[in-house]
């Protein structure tokens, strides 16, 4: 809803209903009837007219709007009771925070949130931003519940729904791995069950269990079972060759969203730990070596945290702490990243400060038109002239009026 629509909705709600912030109850002004019948999802709903049409309104959102004058993405019930609309029980939240604040009982057999039985042990997982995050395998369900609680509080803060177990002194696994990746018992079992073929072909032969003498390299699934664990053929080969399991790949580095202000500044702080920027020369250096390699378009790019970022935009962000729509090179030289040569701009302003590249005319904004010359700027018609020079002067005048200091005129280019 827009600000105007939000303001109108608040006015209409106050015309029709009275809200008691201490009890969370709405009553109609006309009849004084309590309005507290929940819908199928457990929420209390109201109805108001907006633009001549009836519009349903959830009571807890209406309560927040009446008391604060604002309507956030989500209004969350702190105690999880959807019928308790006291203002003290409501708070602004994101969708993710609202999902984290669950009121239902754990559905798992362990009786704890995020804990399930994994063979003879207990596995902990937590869902975050729509994806399951693996927290490790533990000997007892209580330990797994502790790992879940620590992760939940770290991710969701006050919005976290936790198991409530005592986590004092408990340390979760630093780099959780599936059980069969780190037990010595399974490594010994694999060495005892399988062996490498002596002819040097790299084939793996089963020595024990079902299918003795069988070449497991021919397994189309690429996996074999030993005891109560399933392992890949590649893992078996690595254990038989090197005597230990193949190390897991390092977790992927975090991807930063540079449109988010907090993540953007975190990324810049990390960038400055690797690169040095000299605002007087405009040069970025790494380990004492200047970064001067330019792309075909003439820009310099930096590589950091799985991102390729333009050096001129990072320079502007480092000095001014903000990232505009476009960072423009004043003199048009794309690898001149001195801070005095950079300025914030829109895409149109940046395009106005570009040099003439190609065309029938040698002037920017000028093209042929049935033996004469047509002048135009930003798709707008200026006029038709007998000579290129006249059309170029007309373009310059119009561009300066439209873009001011951002306009790169033909006179400047051909001076």
Protein backbone atom coordinates (compact mmCIF):
# COMPACT_ATOMS: atom_id res chain seq x y z
CA UNK A 1 0.00 0.00 0.00
CA UNK A 2 1.15 3.53 -0.74
CA UNK A 3 1.47 6.15 2.01
CA UNK A 4 -1.77 7.79 0.86
CA UNK A 5 -3.63 4.46 0.88
CA UNK A 6 -2.21 3.62 4.32
CA UNK A 7 -3.35 6.97 5.72
CA UNK A 8 -6.83 6.51 4.18
CA UNK A 9 -7.11 2.98 5.58
CA UNK A 10 -6.26 4.21 9.10
CA UNK A 11 -8.89 6.95 8.85
CA UNK A 12 -11.58 4.50 7.69
CA UNK A 13 -10.69 2.00 10.44
CA UNK A 14 -10.99 4.69 13.12
CA UNK A 15 -14.36 5.78 11.70
CA UNK A 16 -15.80 2.28 11.95
CA UNK A 17 -14.01 0.66 14.92
CA UNK A 18 -12.79 1.39 18.42
CA UNK A 19 -9.55 -0.39 19.40
CA UNK A 20 -8.54 -1.12 23.00
CA UNK A 21 -4.75 -1.50 23.01
CA UNK A 22 -4.72 -3.12 26.49
CA UNK A 23 -7.17 -5.92 25.60
CA UNK A 24 -6.55 -6.05 21.83
CA UNK A 25 -10.31 -6.04 21.17
CA UNK A 26 -12.05 -4.16 18.35
CA UNK A 27 -15.66 -2.97 18.73
CA UNK A 28 -17.88 -1.36 16.11
CA UNK A 29 -18.71 2.29 16.81
CA UNK A 30 -22.28 1.90 15.56
CA UNK A 31 -23.36 -1.04 17.74
CA UNK A 32 -20.53 -1.58 20.22
CA UNK A 33 -20.33 -5.28 19.24
CA UNK A 34 -17.12 -7.17 20.03
CA UNK A 35 -15.26 -8.14 16.88
CA UNK A 36 -13.28 -11.24 17.73
CA UNK A 37 -14.45 -14.18 15.58
CA UNK A 38 -11.31 -15.71 13.99
CA UNK A 39 -11.15 -16.95 10.40
CA UNK A 40 -10.05 -20.45 9.33
CA UNK A 41 -6.40 -19.53 9.91
CA UNK A 42 -7.01 -18.25 13.42
CA UNK A 43 -6.80 -14.51 12.62
CA UNK A 44 -9.46 -11.93 13.44
CA UNK A 45 -10.54 -9.97 10.37
CA UNK A 46 -12.16 -6.56 9.92
CA UNK A 47 -13.75 -4.88 6.92
CA UNK A 48 -13.47 -1.28 5.70
CA UNK A 49 -14.32 0.60 2.52
CA UNK A 50 -11.44 1.89 0.41
CA UNK A 51 -12.16 3.73 -2.86
CA UNK A 52 -15.80 2.68 -2.60
CA UNK A 53 -14.97 -1.05 -2.34
CA UNK A 54 -15.05 -3.30 0.73
CA UNK A 55 -11.58 -4.47 1.79
CA UNK A 56 -10.74 -7.13 4.34
CA UNK A 57 -8.20 -6.16 7.01
CA UNK A 58 -6.44 -8.43 9.51
CA UNK A 59 -7.08 -7.10 13.02
CA UNK A 60 -3.47 -7.30 14.19
CA UNK A 61 -2.31 -5.26 11.18
CA UNK A 62 -5.14 -2.79 11.79
CA UNK A 63 -4.08 -2.47 15.44
CA UNK A 64 -0.47 -1.71 14.45
CA UNK A 65 -1.60 0.79 11.82
CA UNK A 66 -3.90 2.63 14.27
CA UNK A 67 -1.23 2.86 16.99
CA UNK A 68 1.84 3.66 14.86
CA UNK A 69 0.46 5.05 11.61
CA UNK A 70 2.68 2.59 9.69
CA UNK A 71 2.14 -0.75 7.99
CA UNK A 72 5.30 -2.93 7.90
CA UNK A 73 5.89 -6.00 5.76
CA UNK A 74 4.61 -8.30 8.52
CA UNK A 75 3.09 -7.73 11.98
CA UNK A 76 4.14 -10.60 14.25
CA UNK A 77 2.36 -11.98 17.35
CA UNK A 78 5.10 -12.27 19.98
CA UNK A 79 3.44 -15.09 21.95
CA UNK A 80 2.24 -16.83 18.77
CA UNK A 81 -1.48 -16.45 19.67
CA UNK A 82 -3.12 -15.07 16.53
CA UNK A 83 -6.18 -13.84 18.45
CA UNK A 84 -4.14 -11.85 21.01
CA UNK A 85 -4.02 -8.42 19.38
CA UNK A 86 -2.81 -6.36 22.35
CA UNK A 87 -0.32 -3.80 21.11
CA UNK A 88 2.22 -5.15 23.64
CA UNK A 89 1.99 -8.54 21.87
CA UNK A 90 2.66 -7.12 18.39
CA UNK A 91 5.89 -6.16 16.66
CA UNK A 92 7.08 -5.31 13.14
CA UNK A 93 8.90 -8.16 11.40
CA UNK A 94 10.07 -9.53 8.08
CA UNK A 95 8.57 -12.67 6.53
CA UNK A 96 11.64 -14.65 7.62
CA UNK A 97 11.37 -13.42 11.22
CA UNK A 98 7.66 -14.22 11.28
CA UNK A 99 8.30 -17.77 10.06
CA UNK A 100 11.00 -18.19 12.73
CA UNK A 101 8.49 -17.34 15.48
CA UNK A 102 6.53 -20.58 15.39
CA UNK A 103 3.98 -21.40 18.07
CA UNK A 104 3.21 -25.04 17.19
CA UNK A 105 4.77 -28.01 18.95
CA UNK A 106 7.70 -29.87 17.36
CA UNK A 107 6.56 -32.52 14.88
CA UNK A 108 9.73 -34.64 15.09
CA UNK A 109 9.93 -37.89 17.08
CA UNK A 110 12.64 -36.36 19.27
CA UNK A 111 10.25 -33.81 20.78
CA UNK A 112 12.62 -30.99 19.82
CA UNK A 113 12.60 -28.46 17.01
CA UNK A 114 15.07 -29.33 14.24
CA UNK A 115 16.15 -32.70 15.71
CA UNK A 116 15.62 -36.06 14.00
CA UNK A 117 17.02 -39.52 14.57
CA UNK A 118 19.89 -40.50 12.27
CA UNK A 119 20.57 -44.21 12.66
CA UNK A 120 21.90 -44.47 16.22
CA UNK A 121 22.51 -40.75 16.65
CA UNK A 122 20.63 -37.44 16.37
CA UNK A 123 20.86 -34.96 13.52
CA UNK A 124 20.23 -31.20 13.90
CA UNK A 125 19.00 -28.98 11.06
CA UNK A 126 17.46 -25.52 10.83
CA UNK A 127 15.57 -23.90 7.97
CA UNK A 128 16.82 -20.43 7.08
CA UNK A 129 15.71 -18.34 4.07
CA UNK A 130 13.88 -21.35 2.66
CA UNK A 131 16.89 -23.70 2.82
CA UNK A 132 17.91 -26.38 5.32
CA UNK A 133 21.19 -25.66 7.13
CA UNK A 134 22.93 -28.77 8.47
CA UNK A 135 24.13 -28.43 12.08
CA UNK A 136 25.74 -31.82 12.67
CA UNK A 137 25.11 -35.26 14.24
CA UNK A 138 25.18 -35.68 18.03
CA UNK A 139 25.07 -38.56 20.52
CA UNK A 140 21.92 -37.35 22.34
CA UNK A 141 18.80 -35.46 21.22
CA UNK A 142 19.49 -32.87 23.93
CA UNK A 143 22.88 -31.98 22.38
CA UNK A 144 21.30 -31.69 18.94
CA UNK A 145 18.59 -29.45 20.44
CA UNK A 146 21.29 -27.24 21.97
CA UNK A 147 22.98 -26.87 18.56
CA UNK A 148 19.61 -25.93 17.06
CA UNK A 149 18.90 -23.31 19.76
CA UNK A 150 22.31 -21.67 19.33
CA UNK A 151 21.85 -21.48 15.55
CA UNK A 152 18.25 -20.22 15.85
CA UNK A 153 19.20 -17.39 18.22
CA UNK A 154 22.19 -16.47 16.04
CA UNK A 155 20.02 -16.30 12.89
CA UNK A 156 16.73 -14.92 14.20
CA UNK A 157 17.51 -13.18 17.50
CA UNK A 158 14.40 -12.34 19.54
CA UNK A 159 12.18 -13.92 16.86
CA UNK A 160 13.72 -17.38 17.28
CA UNK A 161 11.57 -20.29 18.44
CA UNK A 162 13.87 -22.44 20.56
CA UNK A 163 13.71 -25.73 22.44
CA UNK A 164 14.64 -24.02 25.70
CA UNK A 165 17.44 -26.43 26.70
CA UNK A 166 20.40 -25.18 28.71
CA UNK A 167 23.19 -24.33 26.26
CA UNK A 168 25.67 -23.03 28.84
CA UNK A 169 29.14 -24.42 28.13
CA UNK A 170 27.94 -26.33 25.06
CA UNK A 171 29.98 -25.97 21.85
CA UNK A 172 28.33 -27.05 18.58
CA UNK A 173 30.37 -28.68 15.83
CA UNK A 174 32.57 -26.05 14.11
CA UNK A 175 32.33 -27.65 10.68
CA UNK A 176 29.44 -30.13 10.77
CA UNK A 177 29.90 -33.11 8.49
CA UNK A 178 27.81 -36.19 7.84
CA UNK A 179 28.66 -38.94 10.29
CA UNK A 180 30.31 -41.32 7.84
CA UNK A 181 32.80 -38.64 6.77
CA UNK A 182 34.67 -38.54 10.05
CA UNK A 183 34.27 -41.82 11.98
CA UNK A 184 37.38 -44.01 12.24
CA UNK A 185 35.08 -47.02 12.60
CA UNK A 186 33.66 -46.61 9.08
CA UNK A 187 37.10 -46.00 7.54
CA UNK A 188 38.33 -49.29 9.04
CA UNK A 189 35.19 -51.07 7.81
CA UNK A 190 35.73 -49.79 4.25
CA UNK A 191 39.38 -50.91 4.27
CA UNK A 192 38.28 -54.33 5.55
CA UNK A 193 35.40 -54.72 3.05
CA UNK A 194 37.05 -53.44 -0.15
CA UNK A 195 40.47 -53.60 -1.82
CA UNK A 196 42.13 -52.20 -4.92
CA UNK A 197 42.70 -54.60 -7.79
CA UNK A 198 46.38 -55.66 -7.94
CA UNK A 199 46.62 -55.30 -11.74
CA UNK A 200 46.88 -51.49 -11.38
CA UNK A 201 43.62 -50.83 -13.22
CA UNK A 202 42.20 -48.88 -10.29
CA UNK A 203 39.23 -51.25 -9.99
CA UNK A 204 37.76 -51.80 -6.51
CA UNK A 205 36.86 -55.35 -5.46
CA UNK A 206 34.46 -56.29 -2.65
CA UNK A 207 36.08 -58.74 -0.20
CA UNK A 208 33.21 -59.19 2.27
CA UNK A 209 29.45 -59.21 2.33
CA UNK A 210 27.04 -59.59 -0.54
CA UNK A 211 28.71 -59.74 -3.98
CA UNK A 212 32.21 -60.87 -2.95
CA UNK A 213 34.69 -60.45 -5.81
CA UNK A 214 32.46 -57.97 -7.62
CA UNK A 215 33.98 -54.90 -9.23
CA UNK A 216 32.04 -52.05 -7.57
CA UNK A 217 33.41 -49.51 -10.08
CA UNK A 218 30.71 -50.80 -12.43
CA UNK A 219 27.99 -49.56 -10.07
CA UNK A 220 25.90 -47.16 -12.18
CA UNK A 221 24.76 -45.19 -9.12
CA UNK A 222 28.36 -44.61 -8.00
CA UNK A 223 27.47 -45.59 -4.42
CA UNK A 224 27.86 -48.71 -2.29
CA UNK A 225 26.59 -49.73 1.11
CA UNK A 226 28.77 -51.02 3.91
CA UNK A 227 27.20 -51.75 7.26
CA UNK A 228 24.58 -49.04 7.91
CA UNK A 229 26.30 -46.34 5.83
CA UNK A 230 26.17 -45.48 2.12
CA UNK A 231 29.39 -44.12 0.62
CA UNK A 232 30.45 -43.16 -2.89
CA UNK A 233 32.80 -45.28 -4.96
CA UNK A 234 35.08 -42.23 -5.28
CA UNK A 235 35.26 -42.00 -1.47
CA UNK A 236 36.12 -45.71 -1.20
CA UNK A 237 38.91 -45.30 -3.77
CA UNK A 238 40.31 -42.27 -1.90
CA UNK A 239 40.32 -44.16 1.43
CA UNK A 240 42.01 -47.22 -0.08
CA UNK A 241 44.61 -45.06 -1.86
CA UNK A 242 45.38 -42.47 0.84
CA UNK A 243 44.26 -44.22 4.02
CA UNK A 244 41.81 -41.45 5.01
CA UNK A 245 38.52 -39.95 3.78
CA UNK A 246 38.47 -37.36 1.06
CA UNK A 247 38.17 -33.92 2.68
CA UNK A 248 34.96 -32.07 2.07
CA UNK A 249 35.00 -29.03 -0.13
CA UNK A 250 35.30 -25.74 1.67
CA UNK A 251 31.95 -24.03 2.08
CA UNK A 252 31.28 -21.43 -0.59
CA UNK A 253 32.06 -17.87 0.38
CA UNK A 254 29.11 -15.72 1.24
CA UNK A 255 27.53 -13.83 -1.64
CA UNK A 256 27.00 -10.18 -0.77
CA UNK A 257 23.99 -8.21 -1.96
CA UNK A 258 25.42 -4.77 -2.74
CA UNK A 259 21.91 -3.29 -2.95
CA UNK A 260 21.55 -3.88 0.79
CA UNK A 261 23.26 -0.97 2.69
CA UNK A 262 24.50 -3.08 5.62
CA UNK A 263 25.87 -5.88 3.39
CA UNK A 264 27.38 -3.29 1.07
CA UNK A 265 29.41 -1.66 3.86
CA UNK A 266 30.43 -5.07 5.19
CA UNK A 267 31.69 -5.96 1.71
CA UNK A 268 33.65 -2.68 1.45
CA UNK A 269 35.31 -3.24 4.84
CA UNK A 270 36.32 -6.70 3.67
CA UNK A 271 37.53 -5.25 0.34
CA UNK A 272 39.75 -2.71 2.13
CA UNK A 273 41.38 -5.58 4.02
CA UNK A 274 42.69 -6.82 0.66
CA UNK A 275 43.00 -3.73 -1.57
CA UNK A 276 44.47 -0.27 -0.95
CA UNK A 277 42.94 2.74 -2.71
CA UNK A 278 44.80 6.01 -3.38
CA UNK A 279 42.18 8.68 -4.02
CA UNK A 280 44.76 11.10 -5.46
CA UNK A 281 46.02 8.71 -8.16
CA UNK A 282 42.86 6.60 -8.41
CA UNK A 283 44.92 3.40 -8.27
CA UNK A 284 43.91 0.21 -6.42
CA UNK A 285 46.76 -2.00 -5.27
CA UNK A 286 46.89 -5.48 -3.80
CA UNK A 287 49.94 -6.66 -1.92
CA UNK A 288 51.87 -3.66 -3.22
CA UNK A 289 51.00 -4.44 -6.87
CA UNK A 290 48.83 -1.94 -8.75
CA UNK A 291 45.66 -3.22 -10.42
CA UNK A 292 45.80 -1.69 -13.90
CA UNK A 293 44.30 -4.36 -16.19
CA UNK A 294 41.41 -2.87 -18.14
CA UNK A 295 38.54 -4.50 -20.02
CA UNK A 296 37.75 -3.93 -23.69
CA UNK A 297 35.39 -1.16 -22.59
CA UNK A 298 38.25 0.55 -20.74
CA UNK A 299 37.07 -0.10 -17.15
CA UNK A 300 39.12 -1.57 -14.29
CA UNK A 301 37.48 -4.36 -12.26
CA UNK A 302 38.35 -5.88 -8.88
CA UNK A 303 37.87 -9.52 -7.84
CA UNK A 304 36.73 -10.09 -4.24
CA UNK A 305 34.47 -12.54 -2.38
CA UNK A 306 33.26 -14.25 -5.56
CA UNK A 307 32.27 -10.90 -7.01
CA UNK A 308 33.66 -8.85 -9.89
CA UNK A 309 33.09 -5.19 -9.08
CA UNK A 310 33.93 -1.99 -11.04
CA UNK A 311 36.85 -0.13 -9.45
CA UNK A 312 35.30 3.33 -9.99
CA UNK A 313 32.11 2.36 -8.15
CA UNK A 314 34.08 0.90 -5.26
CA UNK A 315 36.23 4.07 -5.10
CA UNK A 316 33.11 6.24 -4.81
CA UNK A 317 31.62 3.92 -2.16
CA UNK A 318 34.84 3.89 -0.10
CA UNK A 319 35.10 7.70 -0.01
CA UNK A 320 31.42 8.74 0.23
CA UNK A 321 29.83 5.67 1.84
CA UNK A 322 27.03 5.45 -0.74
CA UNK A 323 26.46 3.88 -4.14
CA UNK A 324 24.42 5.94 -6.62
CA UNK A 325 22.68 4.60 -9.73
CA UNK A 326 25.74 5.42 -11.86
CA UNK A 327 29.25 6.68 -11.07
CA UNK A 328 30.38 8.91 -13.93
CA UNK A 329 33.94 9.68 -15.07
CA UNK A 330 34.00 13.47 -15.50
CA UNK A 331 36.78 13.50 -18.12
CA UNK A 332 35.38 10.42 -19.88
CA UNK A 333 38.53 8.35 -19.24
CA UNK A 334 37.16 5.10 -17.80
CA UNK A 335 40.34 3.95 -16.05
CA UNK A 336 40.96 7.34 -14.37
CA UNK A 337 39.53 6.55 -10.95
CA UNK A 338 40.79 9.59 -9.02
CA UNK A 339 38.02 10.62 -6.65
CA UNK A 340 37.93 14.16 -8.08
CA UNK A 341 37.17 12.61 -11.49
CA UNK A 342 34.12 10.70 -10.19
CA UNK A 343 30.59 11.95 -9.57
CA UNK A 344 27.12 10.51 -8.98
CA UNK A 345 24.86 10.48 -12.02
CA UNK A 346 21.75 8.99 -13.56
CA UNK A 347 21.96 6.75 -16.64
CA UNK A 348 20.81 9.64 -18.84
CA UNK A 349 23.47 11.97 -17.41
CA UNK A 350 26.12 9.30 -17.85
CA UNK A 351 25.05 8.79 -21.49
CA UNK A 352 25.23 12.57 -22.07
CA UNK A 353 28.86 12.51 -20.94
CA UNK A 354 29.91 9.97 -23.58
CA UNK A 355 32.01 10.57 -26.66
CA UNK A 356 30.78 10.26 -30.24
CA UNK A 357 31.76 6.80 -31.45
CA UNK A 358 30.41 6.13 -34.93
CA UNK A 359 27.96 7.21 -37.61
CA UNK A 360 27.81 9.12 -40.88
CA UNK A 361 28.48 12.37 -39.06
CA UNK A 362 31.63 13.23 -37.19
CA UNK A 363 29.55 15.01 -34.54
CA UNK A 364 27.58 13.66 -31.60
CA UNK A 365 23.79 13.88 -31.93
CA UNK A 366 23.95 14.52 -35.67
CA UNK A 367 22.78 12.16 -38.43
CA UNK A 368 22.03 12.39 -42.16
CA UNK A 369 18.51 13.16 -43.38
CA UNK A 370 17.90 13.14 -47.17
CA UNK A 371 21.04 15.09 -47.97
CA UNK A 372 20.73 17.37 -44.94
CA UNK A 373 21.65 16.97 -41.26
CA UNK A 374 19.27 16.14 -38.40
CA UNK A 375 20.08 17.07 -34.78
CA UNK A 376 18.54 15.26 -31.80
CA UNK A 377 19.27 14.64 -28.13
CA UNK A 378 17.99 11.75 -25.99
CA UNK A 379 15.60 10.73 -28.78
CA UNK A 380 14.11 14.23 -28.98
CA UNK A 381 14.00 16.07 -32.31
CA UNK A 382 15.83 19.43 -32.45
CA UNK A 383 15.85 20.37 -36.14
CA UNK A 384 17.18 19.83 -39.67
CA UNK A 385 20.17 21.86 -40.91
CA UNK A 386 22.15 22.37 -44.10
CA UNK A 387 25.55 21.60 -42.55
CA UNK A 388 26.94 19.26 -39.89
CA UNK A 389 28.39 22.18 -37.98
CA UNK A 390 25.02 23.91 -37.60
CA UNK A 391 23.39 20.68 -36.41
CA UNK A 392 26.27 20.11 -33.96
CA UNK A 393 25.85 23.61 -32.46
CA UNK A 394 22.11 22.98 -32.08
CA UNK A 395 22.83 19.69 -30.32
CA UNK A 396 25.33 21.35 -27.96
CA UNK A 397 22.84 24.03 -26.95
CA UNK A 398 20.03 21.51 -26.31
CA UNK A 399 22.32 19.09 -24.43
CA UNK A 400 23.60 21.81 -22.08
CA UNK A 401 20.01 22.90 -21.34
CA UNK A 402 18.97 19.30 -20.63
CA UNK A 403 22.00 17.92 -18.78
CA UNK A 404 23.99 20.94 -17.58
CA UNK A 405 27.50 20.06 -16.41
CA UNK A 406 27.04 16.43 -17.51
CA UNK A 407 26.72 17.34 -21.21
CA UNK A 408 29.82 16.56 -23.26
CA UNK A 409 29.44 18.91 -26.24
CA UNK A 410 30.86 18.59 -29.73
CA UNK A 411 32.83 21.76 -29.10
CA UNK A 412 34.58 20.11 -26.14
CA UNK A 413 35.29 16.93 -28.09
CA UNK A 414 36.76 18.73 -31.12
CA UNK A 415 38.59 21.47 -29.24
